[in-house]
Amino acid sequence: MELKEMRKLLGLSQAAFGEKYNIPVRTIQDWESGRRQAPVYVLELLERAVIEDSKAEVN
């Protein structure tokens, strides 16, 4: 799952997503725009966290 998809799944802005997962907004902007690539392991960990958080919001 792409970072932007994860962020949209939770309905968060870049700033809110960064605050929730302790990632600088500039880094999120760079990853989403393609200026820099997020490490695969980071995306995998974020995806797990986002899925868990989205389940928690439903319950």
Protein backbone atom coordinates (compact mmCIF):
# COMPACT_ATOMS: atom_id res chain seq x y z
CA MET A 1 0.00 0.00 0.00
CA GLU A 2 1.31 3.46 -0.88
CA LEU A 3 1.85 5.99 1.88
CA LYS A 4 -0.83 8.32 0.54
CA GLU A 5 -3.35 5.45 0.51
CA MET A 6 -2.52 4.67 4.13
CA ARG A 7 -2.94 8.29 5.09
CA LYS A 8 -6.26 8.62 3.26
CA LEU A 9 -7.52 5.38 4.82
CA LEU A 10 -7.26 7.06 8.20
CA GLY A 11 -8.56 10.36 6.84
CA LEU A 12 -5.49 12.26 8.01
CA SER A 13 -3.62 15.22 6.58
CA GLN A 14 0.12 14.92 6.06
CA ALA A 15 0.68 16.89 9.26
CA ALA A 16 -1.70 14.74 11.31
CA PHE A 17 -0.25 11.51 9.91
CA GLY A 18 3.26 12.71 10.69
CA GLU A 19 2.31 13.63 14.22
CA LYS A 20 0.54 10.31 14.81
CA TYR A 21 3.48 8.21 13.55
CA ASN A 22 6.33 10.57 14.50
CA ILE A 23 7.42 11.32 10.92
CA PRO A 24 8.40 14.85 9.87
CA VAL A 25 5.89 16.43 7.48
CA ARG A 26 8.68 17.24 5.02
CA THR A 27 9.62 13.56 4.88
CA ILE A 28 6.01 12.59 4.15
CA GLN A 29 5.85 15.24 1.43
CA ASP A 30 9.09 13.95 -0.11
CA TRP A 31 7.90 10.33 -0.02
CA GLU A 32 4.49 11.11 -1.51
CA SER A 33 5.90 13.34 -4.25
CA GLY A 34 8.59 10.84 -5.21
CA ARG A 35 11.49 13.13 -4.33
CA ARG A 36 12.67 10.43 -1.93
CA GLN A 37 11.72 6.80 -1.47
CA ALA A 38 10.60 5.47 1.86
CA PRO A 39 12.52 2.37 2.95
CA VAL A 40 10.51 -0.77 2.30
CA TYR A 41 10.66 -1.84 5.94
CA VAL A 42 9.22 1.52 7.01
CA LEU A 43 6.30 1.16 4.59
CA GLU A 44 5.66 -2.37 5.81
CA LEU A 45 5.65 -1.29 9.46
CA LEU A 46 3.46 1.71 8.73
CA GLU A 47 1.01 -0.44 6.80
CA ARG A 48 0.65 -2.80 9.75
CA ALA A 49 0.15 0.11 12.14
CA VAL A 50 -2.39 1.81 9.86
CA ILE A 51 -4.40 -1.39 9.41
CA GLU A 52 -4.48 -1.93 13.18
CA ASP A 53 -5.42 1.70 13.79
CA SER A 54 -8.17 1.61 11.17
CA LYS A 55 -9.62 -1.53 12.80
CA ALA A 56 -9.51 0.16 16.19
CA GLU A 57 -11.44 3.15 14.83
CA VAL A 58 -14.21 0.87 13.56
CA ASN A 59 -14.57 -0.86 16.92
